[in-house]
Amino acid sequence: AICHERMGMSADEIATAHPSISLAQIHAALAYYFDHKAEID
């Protein structure tokens, strides 16, 4: 969430920065973040 929201990184950029994590996992993390935004923030 920090990478995406505060650093402005796209899901592709996050996946590139963390090559052991798939793009699908990044999207799942972002989906979870938006579903639980108050808790994660």
Full PDB file with SEQRES, HELIX, SHEET, SSBOND, CRYST1, ORIGX, SCALE, CONECT and MASTER records, all heavy atoms in Angstrom:
SEQRES   1 A   41  ALA ILE CYS HIS GLU ARG MET GLY MET SER ALA ASP GLU          
SEQRES   2 A   41  ILE ALA THR ALA HIS PRO SER ILE SER LEU ALA GLN ILE          
SEQRES   3 A   41  HIS ALA ALA LEU ALA TYR TYR PHE ASP HIS LYS ALA GLU          
SEQRES   4 A   41  ILE ASP                                                      
HELIX    1 AA1 ILE A    2  ARG A    6  3                                   5    
HELIX    2 AA2 ALA A   11  ALA A   17  1                                   7    
HELIX    3 AA3 LEU A   23  ASP A   35  1                                  13    
HELIX    4 AA4 LYS A   37  ILE A   40  1                                   4    
CRYST1    1.000    1.000    1.000  90.00  90.00  90.00 P 1           1          
ORIGX1      1.000000  0.000000  0.000000        0.00000                         
ORIGX2      0.000000  1.000000  0.000000        0.00000                         
ORIGX3      0.000000  0.000000  1.000000        0.00000                         
SCALE1      1.000000  0.000000  0.000000        0.00000                         
SCALE2      0.000000  1.000000  0.000000        0.00000                         
SCALE3      0.000000  0.000000  1.000000        0.00000                         
ATOM      1  N   ALA A   1       0.833  -1.212   0.000  1.00  0.00           N  
ATOM      2  CA  ALA A   1       0.000   0.000   0.000  1.00  0.00           C  
ATOM      3  C   ALA A   1       0.864   1.256   0.000  1.00  0.00           C  
ATOM      4  O   ALA A   1       0.570   2.214  -0.728  1.00  0.00           O  
ATOM      5  CB  ALA A   1      -0.933  -0.002   1.208  1.00  0.00           C  
ATOM      6  N   ILE A   2       1.924   1.273   0.793  1.00  0.00           N  
ATOM      7  CA  ILE A   2       2.825   2.430   0.829  1.00  0.00           C  
ATOM      8  C   ILE A   2       3.469   2.640  -0.534  1.00  0.00           C  
ATOM      9  O   ILE A   2       3.535   3.769  -1.041  1.00  0.00           O  
ATOM     10  CB  ILE A   2       3.888   2.273   1.929  1.00  0.00           C  
ATOM     11  CG1 ILE A   2       3.246   2.420   3.306  1.00  0.00           C  
ATOM     12  CG2 ILE A   2       5.020   3.284   1.753  1.00  0.00           C  
ATOM     13  CD1 ILE A   2       4.146   2.010   4.459  1.00  0.00           C  
ATOM     14  N   CYS A   3       3.945   1.556  -1.133  1.00  0.00           N  
ATOM     15  CA  CYS A   3       4.561   1.660  -2.465  1.00  0.00           C  
ATOM     16  C   CYS A   3       3.583   2.260  -3.463  1.00  0.00           C  
ATOM     17  O   CYS A   3       3.937   3.132  -4.259  1.00  0.00           O  
ATOM     18  CB  CYS A   3       5.015   0.289  -2.961  1.00  0.00           C  
ATOM     19  SG  CYS A   3       6.447  -0.390  -2.100  1.00  0.00           S  
ATOM     20  N   HIS A   4       2.334   1.805  -3.411  1.00  0.00           N  
ATOM     21  CA  HIS A   4       1.335   2.254  -4.383  1.00  0.00           C  
ATOM     22  C   HIS A   4       0.792   3.649  -4.075  1.00  0.00           C  
ATOM     23  O   HIS A   4       0.795   4.523  -4.944  1.00  0.00           O  
ATOM     24  CB  HIS A   4       0.186   1.248  -4.419  1.00  0.00           C  
ATOM     25  CG  HIS A   4      -0.868   1.572  -5.416  1.00  0.00           C  
ATOM     26  ND1 HIS A   4      -0.662   1.501  -6.771  1.00  0.00           N  
ATOM     27  CD2 HIS A   4      -2.143   1.985  -5.256  1.00  0.00           C  
ATOM     28  CE1 HIS A   4      -1.753   1.840  -7.394  1.00  0.00           C  
ATOM     29  NE2 HIS A   4      -2.674   2.146  -6.503  1.00  0.00           N  
ATOM     30  N   GLU A   5       0.361   3.860  -2.849  1.00  0.00           N  
ATOM     31  CA  GLU A   5      -0.329   5.095  -2.486  1.00  0.00           C  
ATOM     32  C   GLU A   5       0.612   6.273  -2.238  1.00  0.00           C  
ATOM     33  O   GLU A   5       0.327   7.386  -2.637  1.00  0.00           O  
ATOM     34  CB  GLU A   5      -1.198   4.871  -1.247  1.00  0.00           C  
ATOM     35  CG  GLU A   5      -2.356   3.923  -1.478  1.00  0.00           C  
ATOM     36  CD  GLU A   5      -3.396   4.507  -2.408  1.00  0.00           C  
ATOM     37  OE1 GLU A   5      -4.051   5.495  -2.020  1.00  0.00           O  
ATOM     38  OE2 GLU A   5      -3.544   3.971  -3.526  1.00  0.00           O  
ATOM     39  N   ARG A   6       1.700   6.033  -1.548  1.00  0.00           N  
ATOM     40  CA  ARG A   6       2.586   7.141  -1.166  1.00  0.00           C  
ATOM     41  C   ARG A   6       3.744   7.343  -2.129  1.00  0.00           C  
ATOM     42  O   ARG A   6       4.204   8.462  -2.313  1.00  0.00           O  
ATOM     43  CB  ARG A   6       3.118   6.927   0.244  1.00  0.00           C  
ATOM     44  CG  ARG A   6       1.983   6.968   1.263  1.00  0.00           C  
ATOM     45  CD  ARG A   6       2.488   7.033   2.646  1.00  0.00           C  
ATOM     46  NE  ARG A   6       1.389   7.033   3.605  1.00  0.00           N  
ATOM     47  CZ  ARG A   6       1.564   7.027   4.890  1.00  0.00           C  
ATOM     48  NH1 ARG A   6       2.782   6.994   5.394  1.00  0.00           N  
ATOM     49  NH2 ARG A   6       0.523   7.036   5.698  1.00  0.00           N  
ATOM     50  N   MET A   7       4.237   6.252  -2.708  1.00  0.00           N  
ATOM     51  CA  MET A   7       5.377   6.358  -3.615  1.00  0.00           C  
ATOM     52  C   MET A   7       4.937   6.418  -5.073  1.00  0.00           C  
ATOM     53  O   MET A   7       5.758   6.633  -5.963  1.00  0.00           O  
ATOM     54  CB  MET A   7       6.336   5.183  -3.389  1.00  0.00           C  
ATOM     55  CG  MET A   7       6.916   5.175  -1.981  1.00  0.00           C  
ATOM     56  SD  MET A   7       7.869   3.688  -1.611  1.00  0.00           S  
ATOM     57  CE  MET A   7       9.259   3.903  -2.711  1.00  0.00           C  
ATOM     58  N   GLY A   8       3.652   6.211  -5.314  1.00  0.00           N  
ATOM     59  CA  GLY A   8       3.103   6.328  -6.662  1.00  0.00           C  
ATOM     60  C   GLY A   8       3.493   5.205  -7.604  1.00  0.00           C  
ATOM     61  O   GLY A   8       3.431   5.369  -8.820  1.00  0.00           O  
ATOM     62  N   MET A   9       3.888   4.066  -7.056  1.00  0.00           N  
ATOM     63  CA  MET A   9       4.303   2.948  -7.899  1.00  0.00           C  
ATOM     64  C   MET A   9       3.077   2.195  -8.415  1.00  0.00           C  
ATOM     65  O   MET A   9       2.112   1.986  -7.686  1.00  0.00           O  
ATOM     66  CB  MET A   9       5.199   1.985  -7.112  1.00  0.00           C  
ATOM     67  CG  MET A   9       6.517   2.586  -6.678  1.00  0.00           C  
ATOM     68  SD  MET A   9       7.464   1.490  -5.567  1.00  0.00           S  
ATOM     69  CE  MET A   9       8.034   0.265  -6.740  1.00  0.00           C  
ATOM     70  N   SER A  10       3.133   1.781  -9.665  1.00  0.00           N  
ATOM     71  CA  SER A  10       2.076   0.945 -10.223  1.00  0.00           C  
ATOM     72  C   SER A  10       2.274  -0.482  -9.727  1.00  0.00           C  
ATOM     73  O   SER A  10       3.335  -0.840  -9.206  1.00  0.00           O  
ATOM     74  CB  SER A  10       2.135   0.970 -11.753  1.00  0.00           C  
ATOM     75  OG  SER A  10       3.301   0.290 -12.206  1.00  0.00           O  
ATOM     76  N   ALA A  11       1.272  -1.315  -9.926  1.00  0.00           N  
ATOM     77  CA  ALA A  11       1.390  -2.720  -9.544  1.00  0.00           C  
ATOM     78  C   ALA A  11       2.561  -3.370 -10.288  1.00  0.00           C  
ATOM     79  O   ALA A  11       3.317  -4.152  -9.701  1.00  0.00           O  
ATOM     80  CB  ALA A  11       0.087  -3.457  -9.824  1.00  0.00           C  
ATOM     81  N   ASP A  12       2.738  -3.040 -11.559  1.00  0.00           N  
ATOM     82  CA  ASP A  12       3.863  -3.576 -12.342  1.00  0.00           C  
ATOM     83  C   ASP A  12       5.203  -3.155 -11.736  1.00  0.00           C  
ATOM     84  O   ASP A  12       6.134  -3.962 -11.661  1.00  0.00           O  
ATOM     85  CB  ASP A  12       3.794  -3.113 -13.796  1.00  0.00           C  
ATOM     86  CG  ASP A  12       2.686  -3.786 -14.577  1.00  0.00           C  
ATOM     87  OD1 ASP A  12       2.335  -4.938 -14.248  1.00  0.00           O  
ATOM     88  OD2 ASP A  12       2.171  -3.156 -15.528  1.00  0.00           O  
ATOM     89  N   GLU A  13       5.306  -1.901 -11.334  1.00  0.00           N  
ATOM     90  CA  GLU A  13       6.555  -1.413 -10.738  1.00  0.00           C  
ATOM     91  C   GLU A  13       6.844  -2.095  -9.406  1.00  0.00           C  
ATOM     92  O   GLU A  13       7.997  -2.415  -9.107  1.00  0.00           O  
ATOM     93  CB  GLU A  13       6.491   0.109 -10.557  1.00  0.00           C  
ATOM     94  CG  GLU A  13       6.525   0.866 -11.867  1.00  0.00           C  
ATOM     95  CD  GLU A  13       6.225   2.351 -11.714  1.00  0.00           C  
ATOM     96  OE1 GLU A  13       5.416   2.724 -10.838  1.00  0.00           O  
ATOM     97  OE2 GLU A  13       6.800   3.134 -12.486  1.00  0.00           O  
ATOM     98  N   ILE A  14       5.806  -2.337  -8.622  1.00  0.00           N  
ATOM     99  CA  ILE A  14       5.992  -3.026  -7.344  1.00  0.00           C  
ATOM    100  C   ILE A  14       6.466  -4.460  -7.604  1.00  0.00           C  
ATOM    101  O   ILE A  14       7.391  -4.945  -6.956  1.00  0.00           O  
ATOM    102  CB  ILE A  14       4.701  -3.014  -6.504  1.00  0.00           C  
ATOM    103  CG1 ILE A  14       4.305  -1.579  -6.155  1.00  0.00           C  
ATOM    104  CG2 ILE A  14       4.870  -3.843  -5.229  1.00  0.00           C  
ATOM    105  CD1 ILE A  14       2.909  -1.437  -5.573  1.00  0.00           C  
ATOM    106  N   ALA A  15       5.853  -5.122  -8.575  1.00  0.00           N  
ATOM    107  CA  ALA A  15       6.255  -6.490  -8.913  1.00  0.00           C  
ATOM    108  C   ALA A  15       7.693  -6.529  -9.422  1.00  0.00           C  
ATOM    109  O   ALA A  15       8.444  -7.452  -9.106  1.00  0.00           O  
ATOM    110  CB  ALA A  15       5.301  -7.083  -9.949  1.00  0.00           C  
ATOM    111  N   THR A  16       8.102  -5.525 -10.180  1.00  0.00           N  
ATOM    112  CA  THR A  16       9.477  -5.453 -10.671  1.00  0.00           C  
ATOM    113  C   THR A  16      10.445  -5.254  -9.508  1.00  0.00           C  
ATOM    114  O   THR A  16      11.518  -5.849  -9.470  1.00  0.00           O  
ATOM    115  CB  THR A  16       9.628  -4.312 -11.699  1.00  0.00           C  
ATOM    116  OG1 THR A  16       8.765  -4.583 -12.811  1.00  0.00           O  
ATOM    117  CG2 THR A  16      11.055  -4.189 -12.192  1.00  0.00           C  
ATOM    118  N   ALA A  17      10.060  -4.419  -8.539  1.00  0.00           N  
ATOM    119  CA  ALA A  17      10.912  -4.164  -7.381  1.00  0.00           C  
ATOM    120  C   ALA A  17      10.998  -5.382  -6.454  1.00  0.00           C  
ATOM    121  O   ALA A  17      11.941  -5.506  -5.688  1.00  0.00           O  
ATOM    122  CB  ALA A  17      10.397  -2.956  -6.600  1.00  0.00           C  
ATOM    123  N   HIS A  18       9.999  -6.252  -6.523  1.00  0.00           N  
ATOM    124  CA  HIS A  18       9.948  -7.465  -5.687  1.00  0.00           C  
ATOM    125  C   HIS A  18       9.730  -8.664  -6.610  1.00  0.00           C  
ATOM    126  O   HIS A  18       8.622  -9.203  -6.692  1.00  0.00           O  
ATOM    127  CB  HIS A  18       8.809  -7.357  -4.663  1.00  0.00           C  
ATOM    128  CG  HIS A  18       8.957  -6.206  -3.735  1.00  0.00           C  
ATOM    129  ND1 HIS A  18       9.783  -6.253  -2.627  1.00  0.00           N  
ATOM    130  CD2 HIS A  18       8.403  -4.974  -3.743  1.00  0.00           C  
ATOM    131  CE1 HIS A  18       9.713  -5.089  -2.002  1.00  0.00           C  
ATOM    132  NE2 HIS A  18       8.897  -4.300  -2.662  1.00  0.00           N  
ATOM    133  N   PRO A  19      10.779  -9.111  -7.298  1.00  0.00           N  
ATOM    134  CA  PRO A  19      10.604 -10.148  -8.325  1.00  0.00           C  
ATOM    135  C   PRO A  19      10.113 -11.500  -7.805  1.00  0.00           C  
ATOM    136  O   PRO A  19       9.626 -12.307  -8.591  1.00  0.00           O  
ATOM    137  CB  PRO A  19      11.991 -10.273  -8.950  1.00  0.00           C  
ATOM    138  CG  PRO A  19      12.931  -9.599  -8.031  1.00  0.00           C  
ATOM    139  CD  PRO A  19      12.142  -8.628  -7.208  1.00  0.00           C  
ATOM    140  N   SER A  20      10.190 -11.743  -6.512  1.00  0.00           N  
ATOM    141  CA  SER A  20       9.696 -13.023  -5.984  1.00  0.00           C  
ATOM    142  C   SER A  20       8.184 -13.007  -5.773  1.00  0.00           C  
ATOM    143  O   SER A  20       7.586 -14.025  -5.429  1.00  0.00           O  
ATOM    144  CB  SER A  20      10.397 -13.365  -4.674  1.00  0.00           C  
ATOM    145  OG  SER A  20      10.037 -12.436  -3.668  1.00  0.00           O  
ATOM    146  N   ILE A  21       7.550 -11.844  -5.984  1.00  0.00           N  
ATOM    147  CA  ILE A  21       6.108 -11.703  -5.786  1.00  0.00           C  
ATOM    148  C   ILE A  21       5.453 -11.497  -7.146  1.00  0.00           C  
ATOM    149  O   ILE A  21       5.885 -10.661  -7.938  1.00  0.00           O  
ATOM    150  CB  ILE A  21       5.806 -10.518  -4.852  1.00  0.00           C  
ATOM    151  CG1 ILE A  21       6.476 -10.750  -3.504  1.00  0.00           C  
ATOM    152  CG2 ILE A  21       4.314 -10.327  -4.682  1.00  0.00           C  
ATOM    153  CD1 ILE A  21       6.433  -9.554  -2.596  1.00  0.00           C  
ATOM    154  N   SER A  22       4.411 -12.264  -7.406  1.00  0.00           N  
ATOM    155  CA  SER A  22       3.740 -12.169  -8.704  1.00  0.00           C  
ATOM    156  C   SER A  22       2.850 -10.928  -8.776  1.00  0.00           C  
ATOM    157  O   SER A  22       2.447 -10.369  -7.748  1.00  0.00           O  
ATOM    158  CB  SER A  22       2.896 -13.419  -8.956  1.00  0.00           C  
ATOM    159  OG  SER A  22       1.748 -13.416  -8.126  1.00  0.00           O  
ATOM    160  N   LEU A  23       2.534 -10.553  -9.990  1.00  0.00           N  
ATOM    161  CA  LEU A  23       1.637  -9.420 -10.204  1.00  0.00           C  
ATOM    162  C   LEU A  23       0.268  -9.709  -9.595  1.00  0.00           C  
ATOM    163  O   LEU A  23      -0.358  -8.825  -9.012  1.00  0.00           O  
ATOM    164  CB  LEU A  23       1.523  -9.122 -11.701  1.00  0.00           C  
ATOM    165  CG  LEU A  23       0.742  -7.890 -12.102  1.00  0.00           C  
ATOM    166  CD1 LEU A  23       1.317  -6.629 -11.453  1.00  0.00           C  
ATOM    167  CD2 LEU A  23       0.740  -7.748 -13.621  1.00  0.00           C  
ATOM    168  N   ALA A  24      -0.175 -10.954  -9.687  1.00  0.00           N  
ATOM    169  CA  ALA A  24      -1.455 -11.335  -9.081  1.00  0.00           C  
ATOM    170  C   ALA A  24      -1.424 -11.138  -7.566  1.00  0.00           C  
ATOM    171  O   ALA A  24      -2.413 -10.686  -6.972  1.00  0.00           O  
ATOM    172  CB  ALA A  24      -1.787 -12.785  -9.424  1.00  0.00           C  
ATOM    173  N   GLN A  25      -0.298 -11.464  -6.928  1.00  0.00           N  
ATOM    174  CA  GLN A  25      -0.179 -11.269  -5.485  1.00  0.00           C  
ATOM    175  C   GLN A  25      -0.207  -9.783  -5.130  1.00  0.00           C  
ATOM    176  O   GLN A  25      -0.791  -9.390  -4.118  1.00  0.00           O  
ATOM    177  CB  GLN A  25       1.098 -11.919  -4.964  1.00  0.00           C  
ATOM    178  CG  GLN A  25       1.046 -13.435  -4.977  1.00  0.00           C  
ATOM    179  CD  GLN A  25       2.391 -14.054  -4.686  1.00  0.00           C  
ATOM    180  OE1 GLN A  25       3.414 -13.670  -5.247  1.00  0.00           O  
ATOM    181  NE2 GLN A  25       2.400 -15.033  -3.794  1.00  0.00           N  
ATOM    182  N   ILE A  26       0.430  -8.960  -5.959  1.00  0.00           N  
ATOM    183  CA  ILE A  26       0.401  -7.506  -5.733  1.00  0.00           C  
ATOM    184  C   ILE A  26      -1.037  -7.006  -5.830  1.00  0.00           C  
ATOM    185  O   ILE A  26      -1.509  -6.239  -4.982  1.00  0.00           O  
ATOM    186  CB  ILE A  26       1.303  -6.761  -6.744  1.00  0.00           C  
ATOM    187  CG1 ILE A  26       2.762  -7.196  -6.627  1.00  0.00           C  
ATOM    188  CG2 ILE A  26       1.135  -5.246  -6.616  1.00  0.00           C  
ATOM    189  CD1 ILE A  26       3.420  -6.896  -5.310  1.00  0.00           C  
ATOM    190  N   HIS A  27      -1.753  -7.425  -6.849  1.00  0.00           N  
ATOM    191  CA  HIS A  27      -3.154  -7.000  -7.007  1.00  0.00           C  
ATOM    192  C   HIS A  27      -4.011  -7.502  -5.844  1.00  0.00           C  
ATOM    193  O   HIS A  27      -4.894  -6.778  -5.371  1.00  0.00           O  
ATOM    194  CB  HIS A  27      -3.712  -7.471  -8.347  1.00  0.00           C  
ATOM    195  CG  HIS A  27      -3.281  -6.621  -9.492  1.00  0.00           C  
ATOM    196  ND1 HIS A  27      -3.757  -5.346  -9.711  1.00  0.00           N  
ATOM    197  CD2 HIS A  27      -2.387  -6.854 -10.481  1.00  0.00           C  
ATOM    198  CE1 HIS A  27      -3.200  -4.831 -10.784  1.00  0.00           C  
ATOM    199  NE2 HIS A  27      -2.345  -5.717 -11.267  1.00  0.00           N  
ATOM    200  N   ALA A  28      -3.738  -8.719  -5.364  1.00  0.00           N  
ATOM    201  CA  ALA A  28      -4.484  -9.237  -4.207  1.00  0.00           C  
ATOM    202  C   ALA A  28      -4.213  -8.375  -2.974  1.00  0.00           C  
ATOM    203  O   ALA A  28      -5.127  -8.069  -2.212  1.00  0.00           O  
ATOM    204  CB  ALA A  28      -4.110 -10.694  -3.944  1.00  0.00           C  
ATOM    205  N   ALA A  29      -2.950  -7.987  -2.783  1.00  0.00           N  
ATOM    206  CA  ALA A  29      -2.602  -7.136  -1.640  1.00  0.00           C  
ATOM    207  C   ALA A  29      -3.291  -5.775  -1.755  1.00  0.00           C  
ATOM    208  O   ALA A  29      -3.799  -5.242  -0.764  1.00  0.00           O  
ATOM    209  CB  ALA A  29      -1.086  -6.961  -1.544  1.00  0.00           C  
ATOM    210  N   LEU A  30      -3.314  -5.215  -2.952  1.00  0.00           N  
ATOM    211  CA  LEU A  30      -3.979  -3.921  -3.142  1.00  0.00           C  
ATOM    212  C   LEU A  30      -5.492  -4.055  -2.937  1.00  0.00           C  
ATOM    213  O   LEU A  30      -6.118  -3.178  -2.329  1.00  0.00           O  
ATOM    214  CB  LEU A  30      -3.663  -3.349  -4.520  1.00  0.00           C  
ATOM    215  CG  LEU A  30      -2.232  -2.860  -4.696  1.00  0.00           C  
ATOM    216  CD1 LEU A  30      -1.943  -2.497  -6.153  1.00  0.00           C  
ATOM    217  CD2 LEU A  30      -1.935  -1.676  -3.781  1.00  0.00           C  
ATOM    218  N   ALA A  31      -6.081  -5.137  -3.417  1.00  0.00           N  
ATOM    219  CA  ALA A  31      -7.514  -5.353  -3.201  1.00  0.00           C  
ATOM    220  C   ALA A  31      -7.812  -5.468  -1.710  1.00  0.00           C  
ATOM    221  O   ALA A  31      -8.777  -4.870  -1.212  1.00  0.00           O  
ATOM    222  CB  ALA A  31      -7.979  -6.611  -3.943  1.00  0.00           C  
ATOM    223  N   TYR A  32      -6.975  -6.212  -0.991  1.00  0.00           N  
ATOM    224  CA  TYR A  32      -7.165  -6.340   0.452  1.00  0.00           C  
ATOM    225  C   TYR A  32      -7.025  -4.964   1.113  1.00  0.00           C  
ATOM    226  O   TYR A  32      -7.819  -4.607   1.987  1.00  0.00           O  
ATOM    227  CB  TYR A  32      -6.151  -7.325   1.051  1.00  0.00           C  
ATOM    228  CG  TYR A  32      -6.397  -7.576   2.512  1.00  0.00           C  
ATOM    229  CD1 TYR A  32      -7.201  -8.635   2.926  1.00  0.00           C  
ATOM    230  CD2 TYR A  32      -5.848  -6.746   3.494  1.00  0.00           C  
ATOM    231  CE1 TYR A  32      -7.452  -8.858   4.276  1.00  0.00           C  
ATOM    232  CE2 TYR A  32      -6.100  -6.965   4.836  1.00  0.00           C  
ATOM    233  CZ  TYR A  32      -6.894  -8.019   5.214  1.00  0.00           C  
ATOM    234  OH  TYR A  32      -7.154  -8.226   6.547  1.00  0.00           O  
ATOM    235  N   TYR A  33      -6.030  -4.206   0.677  1.00  0.00           N  
ATOM    236  CA  TYR A  33      -5.831  -2.864   1.240  1.00  0.00           C  
ATOM    237  C   TYR A  33      -7.079  -2.008   1.062  1.00  0.00           C  
ATOM    238  O   TYR A  33      -7.562  -1.400   2.015  1.00  0.00           O  
ATOM    239  CB  TYR A  33      -4.626  -2.189   0.593  1.00  0.00           C  
ATOM    240  CG  TYR A  33      -4.521  -0.716   0.913  1.00  0.00           C  
ATOM    241  CD1 TYR A  33      -4.265  -0.281   2.212  1.00  0.00           C  
ATOM    242  CD2 TYR A  33      -4.714   0.250  -0.064  1.00  0.00           C  
ATOM    243  CE1 TYR A  33      -4.188   1.065   2.524  1.00  0.00           C  
ATOM    244  CE2 TYR A  33      -4.636   1.597   0.232  1.00  0.00           C  
ATOM    245  CZ  TYR A  33      -4.373   2.007   1.522  1.00  0.00           C  
ATOM    246  OH  TYR A  33      -4.307   3.347   1.830  1.00  0.00           O  
ATOM    247  N   PHE A  34      -7.626  -1.972  -0.146  1.00  0.00           N  
ATOM    248  CA  PHE A  34      -8.784  -1.114  -0.382  1.00  0.00           C  
ATOM    249  C   PHE A  34     -10.026  -1.616   0.349  1.00  0.00           C  
ATOM    250  O   PHE A  34     -10.878  -0.813   0.726  1.00  0.00           O  
ATOM    251  CB  PHE A  34      -9.033  -0.942  -1.880  1.00  0.00           C  
ATOM    252  CG  PHE A  34      -7.989  -0.080  -2.543  1.00  0.00           C  
ATOM    253  CD1 PHE A  34      -7.147  -0.604  -3.504  1.00  0.00           C  
ATOM    254  CD2 PHE A  34      -7.827   1.247  -2.169  1.00  0.00           C  
ATOM    255  CE1 PHE A  34      -6.168   0.192  -4.100  1.00  0.00           C  
ATOM    256  CE2 PHE A  34      -6.847   2.045  -2.749  1.00  0.00           C  
ATOM    257  CZ  PHE A  34      -6.023   1.512  -3.718  1.00  0.00           C  
ATOM    258  N   ASP A  35     -10.104  -2.918   0.593  1.00  0.00           N  
ATOM    259  CA  ASP A  35     -11.221  -3.460   1.378  1.00  0.00           C  
ATOM    260  C   ASP A  35     -11.055  -3.212   2.875  1.00  0.00           C  
ATOM    261  O   ASP A  35     -12.024  -3.281   3.621  1.00  0.00           O  
ATOM    262  CB  ASP A  35     -11.363  -4.974   1.156  1.00  0.00           C  
ATOM    263  CG  ASP A  35     -12.062  -5.325  -0.143  1.00  0.00           C  
ATOM    264  OD1 ASP A  35     -12.673  -4.423  -0.769  1.00  0.00           O  
ATOM    265  OD2 ASP A  35     -11.995  -6.502  -0.546  1.00  0.00           O  
ATOM    266  N   HIS A  36      -9.819  -2.974   3.334  1.00  0.00           N  
ATOM    267  CA  HIS A  36      -9.518  -2.792   4.755  1.00  0.00           C  
ATOM    268  C   HIS A  36      -8.674  -1.535   4.973  1.00  0.00           C  
ATOM    269  O   HIS A  36      -7.783  -1.507   5.802  1.00  0.00           O  
ATOM    270  CB  HIS A  36      -8.767  -4.026   5.295  1.00  0.00           C  
ATOM    271  CG  HIS A  36      -9.527  -5.288   5.134  1.00  0.00           C  
ATOM    272  ND1 HIS A  36      -9.464  -6.046   3.993  1.00  0.00           N  
ATOM    273  CD2 HIS A  36     -10.389  -5.928   5.966  1.00  0.00           C  
ATOM    274  CE1 HIS A  36     -10.251  -7.098   4.131  1.00  0.00           C  
ATOM    275  NE2 HIS A  36     -10.822  -7.044   5.310  1.00  0.00           N  
ATOM    276  N   LYS A  37      -8.965  -0.497   4.208  1.00  0.00           N  
ATOM    277  CA  LYS A  37      -8.137   0.717   4.170  1.00  0.00           C  
ATOM    278  C   LYS A  37      -7.938   1.346   5.547  1.00  0.00           C  
ATOM    279  O   LYS A  37      -6.815   1.698   5.912  1.00  0.00           O  
ATOM    280  CB  LYS A  37      -8.749   1.731   3.202  1.00  0.00           C  
ATOM    281  CG  LYS A  37      -7.842   2.884   2.865  1.00  0.00           C  
ATOM    282  CD  LYS A  37      -8.452   3.702   1.737  1.00  0.00           C  
ATOM    283  CE  LYS A  37      -7.605   4.831   1.262  1.00  0.00           C  
ATOM    284  NZ  LYS A  37      -6.688   5.456   2.145  1.00  0.00           N  
ATOM    285  N   ALA A  38      -8.974   1.499   6.318  1.00  0.00           N  
ATOM    286  CA  ALA A  38      -8.848   2.153   7.632  1.00  0.00           C  
ATOM    287  C   ALA A  38      -7.902   1.376   8.543  1.00  0.00           C  
ATOM    288  O   ALA A  38      -7.040   1.961   9.215  1.00  0.00           O  
ATOM    289  CB  ALA A  38     -10.218   2.317   8.285  1.00  0.00           C  
ATOM    290  N   GLU A  39      -8.033   0.059   8.549  1.00  0.00           N  
ATOM    291  CA  GLU A  39      -7.186  -0.790   9.390  1.00  0.00           C  
ATOM    292  C   GLU A  39      -5.713  -0.704   8.954  1.00  0.00           C  
ATOM    293  O   GLU A  39      -4.824  -0.519   9.785  1.00  0.00           O  
ATOM    294  CB  GLU A  39      -7.656  -2.240   9.295  1.00  0.00           C  
ATOM    295  CG  GLU A  39      -6.733  -3.242   9.947  1.00  0.00           C  
ATOM    296  CD  GLU A  39      -7.020  -4.679   9.535  1.00  0.00           C  
ATOM    297  OE1 GLU A  39      -8.099  -4.963   8.985  1.00  0.00           O  
ATOM    298  OE2 GLU A  39      -6.139  -5.525   9.779  1.00  0.00           O  
ATOM    299  N   ILE A  40      -5.466  -0.824   7.661  1.00  0.00           N  
ATOM    300  CA  ILE A  40      -4.092  -0.812   7.157  1.00  0.00           C  
ATOM    301  C   ILE A  40      -3.477   0.574   7.336  1.00  0.00           C  
ATOM    302  O   ILE A  40      -2.317   0.704   7.744  1.00  0.00           O  
ATOM    303  CB  ILE A  40      -4.033  -1.248   5.677  1.00  0.00           C  
ATOM    304  CG1 ILE A  40      -4.653  -2.634   5.483  1.00  0.00           C  
ATOM    305  CG2 ILE A  40      -2.605  -1.195   5.147  1.00  0.00           C  
ATOM    306  CD1 ILE A  40      -3.974  -3.753   6.228  1.00  0.00           C  
ATOM    307  N   ASP A  41      -4.242   1.629   7.053  1.00  0.00           N  
ATOM    308  CA  ASP A  41      -3.729   2.988   7.256  1.00  0.00           C  
ATOM    309  C   ASP A  41      -3.380   3.228   8.727  1.00  0.00           C  
ATOM    310  O   ASP A  41      -2.377   3.871   9.035  1.00  0.00           O  
ATOM    311  CB  ASP A  41      -4.730   4.032   6.765  1.00  0.00           C  
ATOM    312  CG  ASP A  41      -4.773   4.134   5.245  1.00  0.00           C  
ATOM    313  OD1 ASP A  41      -3.854   3.631   4.569  1.00  0.00           O  
ATOM    314  OD2 ASP A  41      -5.747   4.734   4.729  1.00  0.00           O  
TER     315      ASP A  41                                                      
MASTER        0    0    0    4    0    0    0    6  314    1    0    4          
END                                                                             
